[in-house]
């Protein structure tokens, strides 16, 4: 680990991955600042800066003087609505962060990307970093993350800022505010009796601690002069399995039954289309409310999408510290304490 004199800033540090990263940076002795538009400081040894990524001046002020910036903030929205907002936060916000790093003396910018930047709606089995960005994306979120990633990696070395991108896939763990809470919310409401897609389709899942491990390793390698600038790395647990097996293990652990009945893909996709249209026309396109029923989510459930982290192992020394079984056990234990 790096020495404790480092000044690190985490954008989106009040979110799920961001918060786990902040805790780890503080544990290794960094002076840590968080740039977030919402949320509260949960510990006394961090500095919280409330700012919007779209405000270039505010981003400049927050980042100036940092040694390393971890850009974790983004708007996760997979429905066909709120396009201008998603583009402004995910693309313009990333450009603002990059420019602030270049002006503010930052030497390392580590981007929290997504494996979805190479997903075109079809099966991916053992995908690696040679996969190109698709010509068309099944969701605006994936497209905007890809555009931002491409720009940040292309800027590697400009004005002294080294850049690297970490691409996790389906992150879960204690503190999750999205995936596991959505699963349990549907289970409590009795809406998890049906599943979409086959158990034969497999997905990667990534324990949050392993994502943080990879982010710290990337920072250390950049600081040590390793030639990883301008590179992207898939980060997963390397244990692909059925999404519905993952769901079943979570819900059974808290006393609910696994989904037993299957809904055909066509029926589920049509229902998601209608739901998205209603949400857009009647509610203006709600944020953070996919509830597993966006068209993107239905496609995801019905395709293979798992990746190799061999490049990260080779270049970063990444070997998942927490396996899937232990990650699920820790997540369930955290739910019992909540």
C-alpha atoms as a PDB file:
ATOM      1  CA  UNK A   1       0.000   0.000   0.000  1.00  0.00           C
ATOM      2  CA  UNK A   2       1.034   3.584  -0.487  1.00  0.00           C
ATOM      3  CA  UNK A   3       2.279   5.724   2.348  1.00  0.00           C
ATOM      4  CA  UNK A   4      -0.136   7.759   4.415  1.00  0.00           C
ATOM      5  CA  UNK A   5       0.773  11.178   3.019  1.00  0.00           C
ATOM      6  CA  UNK A   6      -1.336  10.734  -0.115  1.00  0.00           C
ATOM      7  CA  UNK A   7      -4.268  13.062  -0.714  1.00  0.00           C
ATOM      8  CA  UNK A   8      -7.065  11.125  -2.384  1.00  0.00           C
ATOM      9  CA  UNK A   9     -10.427  12.378  -3.616  1.00  0.00           C
ATOM     10  CA  UNK A  10     -13.390  10.127  -4.396  1.00  0.00           C
ATOM     11  CA  UNK A  11     -16.250  11.403  -6.528  1.00  0.00           C
ATOM     12  CA  UNK A  12     -19.533   9.762  -5.571  1.00  0.00           C
ATOM     13  CA  UNK A  13     -17.942   8.780  -2.301  1.00  0.00           C
ATOM     14  CA  UNK A  14     -21.286   8.614  -0.492  1.00  0.00           C
ATOM     15  CA  UNK A  15     -22.496   5.851  -2.828  1.00  0.00           C
ATOM     16  CA  UNK A  16     -22.110   2.108  -2.452  1.00  0.00           C
ATOM     17  CA  UNK A  17     -18.722   1.503  -4.089  1.00  0.00           C
ATOM     18  CA  UNK A  18     -17.505   4.991  -3.220  1.00  0.00           C
ATOM     19  CA  UNK A  19     -18.157   4.560   0.461  1.00  0.00           C
ATOM     20  CA  UNK A  20     -16.338   1.220   0.619  1.00  0.00           C
ATOM     21  CA  UNK A  21     -13.426   2.816  -1.231  1.00  0.00           C
ATOM     22  CA  UNK A  22     -13.306   5.787   1.151  1.00  0.00           C
ATOM     23  CA  UNK A  23     -13.113   3.438   4.143  1.00  0.00           C
ATOM     24  CA  UNK A  24     -10.255   1.511   2.511  1.00  0.00           C
ATOM     25  CA  UNK A  25      -8.307   4.657   1.602  1.00  0.00           C
ATOM     26  CA  UNK A  26      -8.603   5.951   5.139  1.00  0.00           C
ATOM     27  CA  UNK A  27      -7.515   2.554   6.466  1.00  0.00           C
ATOM     28  CA  UNK A  28      -4.303   2.758   4.466  1.00  0.00           C
ATOM     29  CA  UNK A  29      -3.620   6.241   5.857  1.00  0.00           C
ATOM     30  CA  UNK A  30      -4.696   8.592   3.060  1.00  0.00           C
ATOM     31  CA  UNK A  31      -6.119  12.036   3.637  1.00  0.00           C
ATOM     32  CA  UNK A  32      -9.501  11.578   1.933  1.00  0.00           C
ATOM     33  CA  UNK A  33     -11.974  14.034   0.473  1.00  0.00           C
ATOM     34  CA  UNK A  34     -15.340  13.110  -1.003  1.00  0.00           C
ATOM     35  CA  UNK A  35     -17.097  15.020  -3.767  1.00  0.00           C
ATOM     36  CA  UNK A  36     -20.798  14.171  -3.796  1.00  0.00           C
ATOM     37  CA  UNK A  37     -24.004  16.021  -4.552  1.00  0.00           C
ATOM     38  CA  UNK A  38     -25.856  14.295  -1.701  1.00  0.00           C
ATOM     39  CA  UNK A  39     -25.231  12.160   1.361  1.00  0.00           C
ATOM     40  CA  UNK A  40     -23.664  12.868   4.728  1.00  0.00           C
ATOM     41  CA  UNK A  41     -20.208  12.370   6.189  1.00  0.00           C
ATOM     42  CA  UNK A  42     -20.249   9.085   8.118  1.00  0.00           C
ATOM     43  CA  UNK A  43     -16.871   9.488   9.786  1.00  0.00           C
ATOM     44  CA  UNK A  44     -14.874  12.361  11.263  1.00  0.00           C
ATOM     45  CA  UNK A  45     -11.615  11.691   9.431  1.00  0.00           C
ATOM     46  CA  UNK A  46     -12.897  12.529   5.943  1.00  0.00           C
ATOM     47  CA  UNK A  47     -13.784  15.799   4.220  1.00  0.00           C
ATOM     48  CA  UNK A  48     -17.138  16.007   2.436  1.00  0.00           C
ATOM     49  CA  UNK A  49     -17.480  18.495  -0.397  1.00  0.00           C
ATOM     50  CA  UNK A  50     -20.994  18.950  -1.738  1.00  0.00           C
ATOM     51  CA  UNK A  51     -20.809  19.666  -5.454  1.00  0.00           C
ATOM     52  CA  UNK A  52     -22.448  18.702  -8.736  1.00  0.00           C
ATOM     53  CA  UNK A  53     -20.266  17.095 -11.406  1.00  0.00           C
ATOM     54  CA  UNK A  54     -21.890  19.390 -13.969  1.00  0.00           C
ATOM     55  CA  UNK A  55     -20.472  22.443 -12.169  1.00  0.00           C
ATOM     56  CA  UNK A  56     -16.964  22.701 -13.615  1.00  0.00           C
ATOM     57  CA  UNK A  57     -15.850  25.438 -11.226  1.00  0.00           C
ATOM     58  CA  UNK A  58     -16.975  23.476  -8.179  1.00  0.00           C
ATOM     59  CA  UNK A  59     -15.245  20.337  -9.448  1.00  0.00           C
ATOM     60  CA  UNK A  60     -12.051  22.333 -10.037  1.00  0.00           C
ATOM     61  CA  UNK A  61     -12.121  23.682  -6.488  1.00  0.00           C
ATOM     62  CA  UNK A  62     -12.742  20.259  -4.962  1.00  0.00           C
ATOM     63  CA  UNK A  63     -10.013  18.443  -6.882  1.00  0.00           C
ATOM     64  CA  UNK A  64      -7.202  21.018  -6.778  1.00  0.00           C
ATOM     65  CA  UNK A  65      -4.230  19.702  -4.819  1.00  0.00           C
ATOM     66  CA  UNK A  66      -5.220  16.030  -4.744  1.00  0.00           C
ATOM     67  CA  UNK A  67      -2.604  13.418  -5.626  1.00  0.00           C
ATOM     68  CA  UNK A  68      -5.096  10.826  -6.910  1.00  0.00           C
ATOM     69  CA  UNK A  69      -8.732  11.029  -7.945  1.00  0.00           C
ATOM     70  CA  UNK A  70     -11.048   8.025  -8.030  1.00  0.00           C
ATOM     71  CA  UNK A  71     -13.993   8.915 -10.279  1.00  0.00           C
ATOM     72  CA  UNK A  72     -16.788   6.726  -8.953  1.00  0.00           C
ATOM     73  CA  UNK A  73     -19.782   9.025  -9.437  1.00  0.00           C
ATOM     74  CA  UNK A  74     -22.251   8.348 -12.236  1.00  0.00           C
ATOM     75  CA  UNK A  75     -25.963   8.233 -12.872  1.00  0.00           C
ATOM     76  CA  UNK A  76     -27.090   4.609 -13.248  1.00  0.00           C
ATOM     77  CA  UNK A  77     -30.209   4.823 -15.368  1.00  0.00           C
ATOM     78  CA  UNK A  78     -31.059   2.142 -17.924  1.00  0.00           C
ATOM     79  CA  UNK A  79     -34.480   3.275 -19.074  1.00  0.00           C
ATOM     80  CA  UNK A  80     -35.156   5.235 -22.263  1.00  0.00           C
ATOM     81  CA  UNK A  81     -35.701   8.590 -20.568  1.00  0.00           C
ATOM     82  CA  UNK A  82     -33.849  11.507 -18.956  1.00  0.00           C
ATOM     83  CA  UNK A  83     -31.249  11.374 -21.709  1.00  0.00           C
ATOM     84  CA  UNK A  84     -29.955  14.912 -21.342  1.00  0.00           C
ATOM     85  CA  UNK A  85     -29.410  14.491 -17.588  1.00  0.00           C
ATOM     86  CA  UNK A  86     -27.651  11.127 -17.943  1.00  0.00           C
ATOM     87  CA  UNK A  87     -25.346  12.510 -20.633  1.00  0.00           C
ATOM     88  CA  UNK A  88     -24.607  15.638 -18.623  1.00  0.00           C
ATOM     89  CA  UNK A  89     -23.654  13.726 -15.468  1.00  0.00           C
ATOM     90  CA  UNK A  90     -21.867  10.743 -16.975  1.00  0.00           C
ATOM     91  CA  UNK A  91     -20.116  12.374 -19.935  1.00  0.00           C
ATOM     92  CA  UNK A  92     -19.818  16.087 -19.183  1.00  0.00           C
ATOM     93  CA  UNK A  93     -19.128  15.295 -15.531  1.00  0.00           C
ATOM     94  CA  UNK A  94     -16.255  12.983 -16.509  1.00  0.00           C
ATOM     95  CA  UNK A  95     -14.803  15.683 -18.758  1.00  0.00           C
ATOM     96  CA  UNK A  96     -15.024  18.151 -15.870  1.00  0.00           C
ATOM     97  CA  UNK A  97     -13.211  15.730 -13.577  1.00  0.00           C
ATOM     98  CA  UNK A  98     -10.466  15.138 -16.153  1.00  0.00           C
ATOM     99  CA  UNK A  99      -9.983  18.855 -16.797  1.00  0.00           C
ATOM    100  CA  UNK A 100      -9.880  19.564 -13.060  1.00  0.00           C
ATOM    101  CA  UNK A 101      -7.210  16.885 -12.613  1.00  0.00           C
ATOM    102  CA  UNK A 102      -5.146  18.383 -15.423  1.00  0.00           C
ATOM    103  CA  UNK A 103      -5.407  21.864 -13.953  1.00  0.00           C
ATOM    104  CA  UNK A 104      -5.109  20.872 -10.311  1.00  0.00           C
ATOM    105  CA  UNK A 105      -1.827  18.973 -10.160  1.00  0.00           C
ATOM    106  CA  UNK A 106      -3.376  15.492  -9.928  1.00  0.00           C
ATOM    107  CA  UNK A 107      -1.100  12.745 -11.235  1.00  0.00           C
ATOM    108  CA  UNK A 108      -3.470   9.755 -11.222  1.00  0.00           C
ATOM    109  CA  UNK A 109      -7.106   9.409 -12.275  1.00  0.00           C
ATOM    110  CA  UNK A 110      -8.735   6.014 -11.707  1.00  0.00           C
ATOM    111  CA  UNK A 111     -12.136   5.653 -13.360  1.00  0.00           C
ATOM    112  CA  UNK A 112     -14.838   3.319 -12.009  1.00  0.00           C
ATOM    113  CA  UNK A 113     -16.337   2.153 -15.280  1.00  0.00           C
ATOM    114  CA  UNK A 114     -18.610  -0.812 -16.017  1.00  0.00           C
ATOM    115  CA  UNK A 115     -18.363  -4.091 -17.892  1.00  0.00           C
ATOM    116  CA  UNK A 116     -21.493  -2.966 -19.755  1.00  0.00           C
ATOM    117  CA  UNK A 117     -19.333  -0.686 -21.937  1.00  0.00           C
ATOM    118  CA  UNK A 118     -18.797  -3.658 -24.295  1.00  0.00           C
ATOM    119  CA  UNK A 119     -22.304  -5.148 -24.048  1.00  0.00           C
ATOM    120  CA  UNK A 120     -24.413  -4.973 -27.202  1.00  0.00           C
ATOM    121  CA  UNK A 121     -27.308  -7.141 -26.036  1.00  0.00           C
ATOM    122  CA  UNK A 122     -25.797 -10.472 -27.092  1.00  0.00           C
ATOM    123  CA  UNK A 123     -23.996 -13.228 -25.196  1.00  0.00           C
ATOM    124  CA  UNK A 124     -20.511 -12.533 -23.824  1.00  0.00           C
ATOM    125  CA  UNK A 125     -18.625 -15.575 -22.574  1.00  0.00           C
ATOM    126  CA  UNK A 126     -15.204 -15.003 -21.091  1.00  0.00           C
ATOM    127  CA  UNK A 127     -14.961 -11.521 -22.603  1.00  0.00           C
ATOM    128  CA  UNK A 128     -11.649  -9.698 -22.341  1.00  0.00           C
ATOM    129  CA  UNK A 129     -10.263  -6.234 -22.958  1.00  0.00           C
ATOM    130  CA  UNK A 130      -9.739  -6.855 -26.683  1.00  0.00           C
ATOM    131  CA  UNK A 131     -13.512  -6.543 -27.144  1.00  0.00           C
ATOM    132  CA  UNK A 132     -14.389  -3.291 -28.942  1.00  0.00           C
ATOM    133  CA  UNK A 133     -17.034  -0.830 -27.900  1.00  0.00           C
ATOM    134  CA  UNK A 134     -20.241  -1.774 -29.738  1.00  0.00           C
ATOM    135  CA  UNK A 135     -21.698   0.355 -32.521  1.00  0.00           C
ATOM    136  CA  UNK A 136     -25.032   0.399 -30.704  1.00  0.00           C
ATOM    137  CA  UNK A 137     -25.760   0.116 -27.002  1.00  0.00           C
ATOM    138  CA  UNK A 138     -28.905  -1.378 -25.440  1.00  0.00           C
ATOM    139  CA  UNK A 139     -28.944   1.304 -22.726  1.00  0.00           C
ATOM    140  CA  UNK A 140     -27.931   4.935 -22.427  1.00  0.00           C
ATOM    141  CA  UNK A 141     -26.048   4.179 -19.218  1.00  0.00           C
ATOM    142  CA  UNK A 142     -23.699   1.775 -20.996  1.00  0.00           C
ATOM    143  CA  UNK A 143     -23.211   4.199 -23.880  1.00  0.00           C
ATOM    144  CA  UNK A 144     -22.374   7.150 -21.642  1.00  0.00           C
ATOM    145  CA  UNK A 145     -19.959   5.113 -19.531  1.00  0.00           C
ATOM    146  CA  UNK A 146     -18.214   3.972 -22.718  1.00  0.00           C
ATOM    147  CA  UNK A 147     -17.946   7.508 -24.082  1.00  0.00           C
ATOM    148  CA  UNK A 148     -16.520   8.756 -20.794  1.00  0.00           C
ATOM    149  CA  UNK A 149     -14.098   5.845 -20.499  1.00  0.00           C
ATOM    150  CA  UNK A 150     -12.821   6.290 -24.039  1.00  0.00           C
ATOM    151  CA  UNK A 151     -12.141   9.999 -23.424  1.00  0.00           C
ATOM    152  CA  UNK A 152     -10.376   9.444 -20.101  1.00  0.00           C
ATOM    153  CA  UNK A 153      -8.144   6.669 -21.436  1.00  0.00           C
ATOM    154  CA  UNK A 154      -7.301   8.649 -24.575  1.00  0.00           C
ATOM    155  CA  UNK A 155      -6.127  11.500 -22.333  1.00  0.00           C
ATOM    156  CA  UNK A 156      -3.609   9.318 -20.488  1.00  0.00           C
ATOM    157  CA  UNK A 157      -0.446  11.288 -19.801  1.00  0.00           C
ATOM    158  CA  UNK A 158      -1.825  14.645 -20.931  1.00  0.00           C
ATOM    159  CA  UNK A 159      -0.692  17.414 -18.574  1.00  0.00           C
ATOM    160  CA  UNK A 160       0.846  14.855 -16.252  1.00  0.00           C
ATOM    161  CA  UNK A 161      -2.300  12.851 -15.447  1.00  0.00           C
ATOM    162  CA  UNK A 162      -2.120   9.064 -15.805  1.00  0.00           C
ATOM    163  CA  UNK A 163      -5.493   7.395 -16.318  1.00  0.00           C
ATOM    164  CA  UNK A 164      -6.773   3.855 -15.915  1.00  0.00           C
ATOM    165  CA  UNK A 165     -10.262   2.311 -16.011  1.00  0.00           C
ATOM    166  CA  UNK A 166     -11.629  -0.429 -13.763  1.00  0.00           C
ATOM    167  CA  UNK A 167     -14.659  -2.304 -15.172  1.00  0.00           C
ATOM    168  CA  UNK A 168     -16.547  -4.198 -12.445  1.00  0.00           C
ATOM    169  CA  UNK A 169     -19.603  -6.298 -13.208  1.00  0.00           C
ATOM    170  CA  UNK A 170     -22.742  -6.593 -11.028  1.00  0.00           C
ATOM    171  CA  UNK A 171     -21.292  -5.347  -7.755  1.00  0.00           C
ATOM    172  CA  UNK A 172     -22.812  -6.539  -4.472  1.00  0.00           C
ATOM    173  CA  UNK A 173     -21.946  -6.646  -0.801  1.00  0.00           C
ATOM    174  CA  UNK A 174     -22.636  -4.952   2.552  1.00  0.00           C
ATOM    175  CA  UNK A 175     -23.851  -1.416   2.015  1.00  0.00           C
ATOM    176  CA  UNK A 176     -25.424  -2.169  -1.368  1.00  0.00           C
ATOM    177  CA  UNK A 177     -28.122   0.398  -2.069  1.00  0.00           C
ATOM    178  CA  UNK A 178     -29.345  -1.009  -5.361  1.00  0.00           C
ATOM    179  CA  UNK A 179     -29.136  -4.675  -6.391  1.00  0.00           C
ATOM    180  CA  UNK A 180     -29.804  -6.610  -3.185  1.00  0.00           C
ATOM    181  CA  UNK A 181     -32.313  -4.062  -1.779  1.00  0.00           C
ATOM    182  CA  UNK A 182     -34.293  -4.261  -5.050  1.00  0.00           C
ATOM    183  CA  UNK A 183     -34.311  -8.076  -4.875  1.00  0.00           C
ATOM    184  CA  UNK A 184     -35.497  -8.098  -1.274  1.00  0.00           C
ATOM    185  CA  UNK A 185     -38.084  -5.382  -1.879  1.00  0.00           C
ATOM    186  CA  UNK A 186     -39.705  -7.517  -4.569  1.00  0.00           C
ATOM    187  CA  UNK A 187     -39.504 -10.616  -2.369  1.00  0.00           C
ATOM    188  CA  UNK A 188     -41.228  -8.831   0.533  1.00  0.00           C
ATOM    189  CA  UNK A 189     -43.949  -7.587  -1.805  1.00  0.00           C
ATOM    190  CA  UNK A 190     -44.578 -11.098  -3.129  1.00  0.00           C
ATOM    191  CA  UNK A 191     -43.357 -10.105  -6.608  1.00  0.00           C
ATOM    192  CA  UNK A 192     -40.497 -12.577  -6.862  1.00  0.00           C
ATOM    193  CA  UNK A 193     -42.420 -15.722  -7.747  1.00  0.00           C
ATOM    194  CA  UNK A 194     -41.508 -15.530 -11.431  1.00  0.00           C
ATOM    195  CA  UNK A 195     -38.152 -15.421 -13.172  1.00  0.00           C
ATOM    196  CA  UNK A 196     -37.219 -14.286 -16.648  1.00  0.00           C
ATOM    197  CA  UNK A 197     -34.789 -16.314 -18.667  1.00  0.00           C
ATOM    198  CA  UNK A 198     -33.095 -19.643 -18.189  1.00  0.00           C
ATOM    199  CA  UNK A 199     -30.869 -20.860 -15.382  1.00  0.00           C
ATOM    200  CA  UNK A 200     -28.438 -21.842 -18.131  1.00  0.00           C
ATOM    201  CA  UNK A 201     -27.483 -18.191 -18.696  1.00  0.00           C
ATOM    202  CA  UNK A 202     -24.573 -17.118 -16.511  1.00  0.00           C
ATOM    203  CA  UNK A 203     -23.409 -13.772 -15.184  1.00  0.00           C
ATOM    204  CA  UNK A 204     -20.430 -12.505 -13.265  1.00  0.00           C
ATOM    205  CA  UNK A 205     -20.915 -11.033  -9.805  1.00  0.00           C
ATOM    206  CA  UNK A 206     -18.275  -8.967  -8.041  1.00  0.00           C
ATOM    207  CA  UNK A 207     -17.950  -8.510  -4.308  1.00  0.00           C
ATOM    208  CA  UNK A 208     -17.506  -4.839  -3.440  1.00  0.00           C
ATOM    209  CA  UNK A 209     -14.335  -5.485  -1.486  1.00  0.00           C
ATOM    210  CA  UNK A 210     -12.750  -6.988  -4.590  1.00  0.00           C
ATOM    211  CA  UNK A 211     -13.629  -3.888  -6.611  1.00  0.00           C
ATOM    212  CA  UNK A 212     -11.968  -1.719  -3.971  1.00  0.00           C
ATOM    213  CA  UNK A 213      -8.957  -4.041  -3.975  1.00  0.00           C
ATOM    214  CA  UNK A 214      -8.572  -3.525  -7.739  1.00  0.00           C
ATOM    215  CA  UNK A 215      -8.906   0.253  -7.449  1.00  0.00           C
ATOM    216  CA  UNK A 216      -6.169   0.425  -4.823  1.00  0.00           C
ATOM    217  CA  UNK A 217      -3.933  -1.860  -6.858  1.00  0.00           C
ATOM    218  CA  UNK A 218      -4.385   0.340  -9.933  1.00  0.00           C
ATOM    219  CA  UNK A 219      -3.438   3.426  -7.932  1.00  0.00           C
ATOM    220  CA  UNK A 220      -0.377   1.710  -6.511  1.00  0.00           C
ATOM    221  CA  UNK A 221       0.789   0.469  -9.909  1.00  0.00           C
ATOM    222  CA  UNK A 222       0.383   3.924 -11.436  1.00  0.00           C
ATOM    223  CA  UNK A 223       2.263   5.489  -8.545  1.00  0.00           C
ATOM    224  CA  UNK A 224       5.021   2.925  -8.950  1.00  0.00           C
ATOM    225  CA  UNK A 225       5.422   3.730 -12.641  1.00  0.00           C
ATOM    226  CA  UNK A 226       3.909   0.552 -14.089  1.00  0.00           C
ATOM    227  CA  UNK A 227       2.931   0.956 -17.771  1.00  0.00           C
ATOM    228  CA  UNK A 228      -0.800   0.582 -17.212  1.00  0.00           C
ATOM    229  CA  UNK A 229      -1.824   4.120 -18.171  1.00  0.00           C
ATOM    230  CA  UNK A 230      -4.559   4.301 -20.771  1.00  0.00           C
ATOM    231  CA  UNK A 231      -5.649   0.722 -20.018  1.00  0.00           C
ATOM    232  CA  UNK A 232      -9.004  -0.786 -19.006  1.00  0.00           C
ATOM    233  CA  UNK A 233      -9.422  -3.825 -16.754  1.00  0.00           C
ATOM    234  CA  UNK A 234     -12.377  -6.136 -16.175  1.00  0.00           C
ATOM    235  CA  UNK A 235     -12.807  -6.926 -12.485  1.00  0.00           C
ATOM    236  CA  UNK A 236     -15.035  -9.799 -11.358  1.00  0.00           C
ATOM    237  CA  UNK A 237     -15.027 -12.648  -8.873  1.00  0.00           C
ATOM    238  CA  UNK A 238     -14.334 -15.007 -11.781  1.00  0.00           C
ATOM    239  CA  UNK A 239     -17.158 -17.321 -10.665  1.00  0.00           C
ATOM    240  CA  UNK A 240     -19.992 -16.914 -13.200  1.00  0.00           C
ATOM    241  CA  UNK A 241     -23.302 -18.441 -12.298  1.00  0.00           C
ATOM    242  CA  UNK A 242     -26.998 -18.106 -12.977  1.00  0.00           C
ATOM    243  CA  UNK A 243     -28.473 -14.782 -11.921  1.00  0.00           C
ATOM    244  CA  UNK A 244     -31.439 -16.642 -10.467  1.00  0.00           C
ATOM    245  CA  UNK A 245     -29.192 -18.900  -8.408  1.00  0.00           C
ATOM    246  CA  UNK A 246     -27.612 -15.756  -6.954  1.00  0.00           C
ATOM    247  CA  UNK A 247     -31.058 -14.297  -6.230  1.00  0.00           C
ATOM    248  CA  UNK A 248     -32.240 -17.561  -4.726  1.00  0.00           C
ATOM    249  CA  UNK A 249     -29.351 -17.762  -2.304  1.00  0.00           C
ATOM    250  CA  UNK A 250     -29.954 -14.198  -1.124  1.00  0.00           C
ATOM    251  CA  UNK A 251     -33.719 -14.533  -0.587  1.00  0.00           C
ATOM    252  CA  UNK A 252     -33.576 -17.981   0.981  1.00  0.00           C
ATOM    253  CA  UNK A 253     -31.049 -16.741   3.514  1.00  0.00           C
ATOM    254  CA  UNK A 254     -33.587 -14.206   4.804  1.00  0.00           C
ATOM    255  CA  UNK A 255     -36.575 -16.531   4.732  1.00  0.00           C
ATOM    256  CA  UNK A 256     -38.139 -16.079   1.291  1.00  0.00           C
ATOM    257  CA  UNK A 257     -38.695 -18.641  -1.448  1.00  0.00           C
ATOM    258  CA  UNK A 258     -36.812 -18.712  -4.730  1.00  0.00           C
ATOM    259  CA  UNK A 259     -38.708 -17.766  -7.902  1.00  0.00           C
ATOM    260  CA  UNK A 260     -40.387 -20.917  -9.233  1.00  0.00           C
ATOM    261  CA  UNK A 261     -42.099 -19.960 -12.455  1.00  0.00           C
ATOM    262  CA  UNK A 262     -40.616 -18.722 -15.723  1.00  0.00           C
ATOM    263  CA  UNK A 263     -41.906 -15.833 -17.825  1.00  0.00           C
ATOM    264  CA  UNK A 264     -40.968 -16.025 -21.527  1.00  0.00           C
ATOM    265  CA  UNK A 265     -38.517 -13.400 -22.718  1.00  0.00           C
ATOM    266  CA  UNK A 266     -40.971 -11.905 -25.232  1.00  0.00           C
ATOM    267  CA  UNK A 267     -43.660 -11.393 -22.617  1.00  0.00           C
ATOM    268  CA  UNK A 268     -41.232  -9.834 -20.124  1.00  0.00           C
ATOM    269  CA  UNK A 269     -39.679  -7.562 -22.740  1.00  0.00           C
ATOM    270  CA  UNK A 270     -43.084  -6.342 -23.902  1.00  0.00           C
ATOM    271  CA  UNK A 271     -44.090  -5.626 -20.298  1.00  0.00           C
ATOM    272  CA  UNK A 272     -40.876  -3.697 -19.723  1.00  0.00           C
ATOM    273  CA  UNK A 273     -41.503  -1.669 -22.879  1.00  0.00           C
ATOM    274  CA  UNK A 274     -44.979  -0.678 -21.697  1.00  0.00           C
ATOM    275  CA  UNK A 275     -43.707   0.117 -18.211  1.00  0.00           C
ATOM    276  CA  UNK A 276     -40.914   2.327 -19.559  1.00  0.00           C
ATOM    277  CA  UNK A 277     -43.355   4.166 -21.819  1.00  0.00           C
ATOM    278  CA  UNK A 278     -45.722   4.775 -18.915  1.00  0.00           C
ATOM    279  CA  UNK A 279     -42.880   5.934 -16.696  1.00  0.00           C
ATOM    280  CA  UNK A 280     -41.665   8.378 -19.336  1.00  0.00           C
ATOM    281  CA  UNK A 281     -45.045   9.806 -20.337  1.00  0.00           C
ATOM    282  CA  UNK A 282     -46.739   9.894 -16.937  1.00  0.00           C
ATOM    283  CA  UNK A 283     -43.922  10.259 -14.419  1.00  0.00           C
ATOM    284  CA  UNK A 284     -41.333  12.024 -16.545  1.00  0.00           C
ATOM    285  CA  UNK A 285     -38.796   9.205 -16.324  1.00  0.00           C
ATOM    286  CA  UNK A 286     -38.073   8.340 -12.707  1.00  0.00           C
ATOM    287  CA  UNK A 287     -34.484   7.830 -11.624  1.00  0.00           C
ATOM    288  CA  UNK A 288     -33.179   4.880  -9.595  1.00  0.00           C
ATOM    289  CA  UNK A 289     -36.438   2.961 -10.040  1.00  0.00           C
ATOM    290  CA  UNK A 290     -35.870   0.244 -12.651  1.00  0.00           C
ATOM    291  CA  UNK A 291     -37.153  -2.485 -10.312  1.00  0.00           C
ATOM    292  CA  UNK A 292     -35.669  -5.028 -12.709  1.00  0.00           C
ATOM    293  CA  UNK A 293     -38.174  -4.127 -15.401  1.00  0.00           C
ATOM    294  CA  UNK A 294     -36.246  -1.998 -17.864  1.00  0.00           C
ATOM    295  CA  UNK A 295     -35.725  -3.476 -21.313  1.00  0.00           C
ATOM    296  CA  UNK A 296     -31.990  -3.417 -20.636  1.00  0.00           C
ATOM    297  CA  UNK A 297     -32.465  -5.484 -17.463  1.00  0.00           C
ATOM    298  CA  UNK A 298     -34.595  -8.062 -19.292  1.00  0.00           C
ATOM    299  CA  UNK A 299     -31.927  -8.453 -21.980  1.00  0.00           C
ATOM    300  CA  UNK A 300     -29.274  -8.800 -19.309  1.00  0.00           C
ATOM    301  CA  UNK A 301     -31.194 -11.571 -17.578  1.00  0.00           C
ATOM    302  CA  UNK A 302     -31.520 -13.509 -20.825  1.00  0.00           C
ATOM    303  CA  UNK A 303     -27.915 -13.433 -22.016  1.00  0.00           C
ATOM    304  CA  UNK A 304     -24.573 -14.738 -20.846  1.00  0.00           C
ATOM    305  CA  UNK A 305     -22.238 -11.984 -19.697  1.00  0.00           C
ATOM    306  CA  UNK A 306     -19.116 -13.010 -17.892  1.00  0.00           C
ATOM    307  CA  UNK A 307     -15.546 -11.835 -18.278  1.00  0.00           C
ATOM    308  CA  UNK A 308     -11.908 -12.776 -17.741  1.00  0.00           C
ATOM    309  CA  UNK A 309      -9.886 -10.810 -15.202  1.00  0.00           C
ATOM    310  CA  UNK A 310      -6.613 -12.347 -16.445  1.00  0.00           C
ATOM    311  CA  UNK A 311      -5.278  -8.983 -17.624  1.00  0.00           C
ATOM    312  CA  UNK A 312      -5.912  -7.446 -14.193  1.00  0.00           C
ATOM    313  CA  UNK A 313      -4.175 -10.396 -12.564  1.00  0.00           C
ATOM    314  CA  UNK A 314      -1.178  -9.981 -14.859  1.00  0.00           C
ATOM    315  CA  UNK A 315      -0.833  -6.190 -14.724  1.00  0.00           C
ATOM    316  CA  UNK A 316      -2.278  -5.277 -11.326  1.00  0.00           C
ATOM    317  CA  UNK A 317      -1.698  -8.422  -9.309  1.00  0.00           C
ATOM    318  CA  UNK A 318      -5.450  -8.731  -8.836  1.00  0.00           C
ATOM    319  CA  UNK A 319      -6.649 -12.007  -7.340  1.00  0.00           C
ATOM    320  CA  UNK A 320     -10.097 -11.751  -5.709  1.00  0.00           C
ATOM    321  CA  UNK A 321      -9.664 -11.641  -1.955  1.00  0.00           C
ATOM    322  CA  UNK A 322     -13.265 -12.664  -1.233  1.00  0.00           C
ATOM    323  CA  UNK A 323     -14.926 -15.518  -3.110  1.00  0.00           C
ATOM    324  CA  UNK A 324     -18.578 -15.527  -4.078  1.00  0.00           C
ATOM    325  CA  UNK A 325     -19.795 -17.773  -1.268  1.00  0.00           C
ATOM    326  CA  UNK A 326     -18.073 -15.662   1.377  1.00  0.00           C
ATOM    327  CA  UNK A 327     -19.296 -12.458  -0.272  1.00  0.00           C
ATOM    328  CA  UNK A 328     -22.893 -13.656  -0.191  1.00  0.00           C
ATOM    329  CA  UNK A 329     -22.506 -14.756   3.441  1.00  0.00           C
ATOM    330  CA  UNK A 330     -21.139 -11.334   4.430  1.00  0.00           C
ATOM    331  CA  UNK A 331     -23.925  -9.575   2.559  1.00  0.00           C
ATOM    332  CA  UNK A 332     -26.612 -11.641   4.258  1.00  0.00           C
ATOM    333  CA  UNK A 333     -24.984 -11.092   7.656  1.00  0.00           C
ATOM    334  CA  UNK A 334     -25.005  -7.328   7.065  1.00  0.00           C
ATOM    335  CA  UNK A 335     -28.722  -7.490   6.288  1.00  0.00           C
ATOM    336  CA  UNK A 336     -29.358  -9.245   9.594  1.00  0.00           C
ATOM    337  CA  UNK A 337     -27.538  -6.428  11.417  1.00  0.00           C
ATOM    338  CA  UNK A 338     -29.397  -3.671   9.581  1.00  0.00           C
END
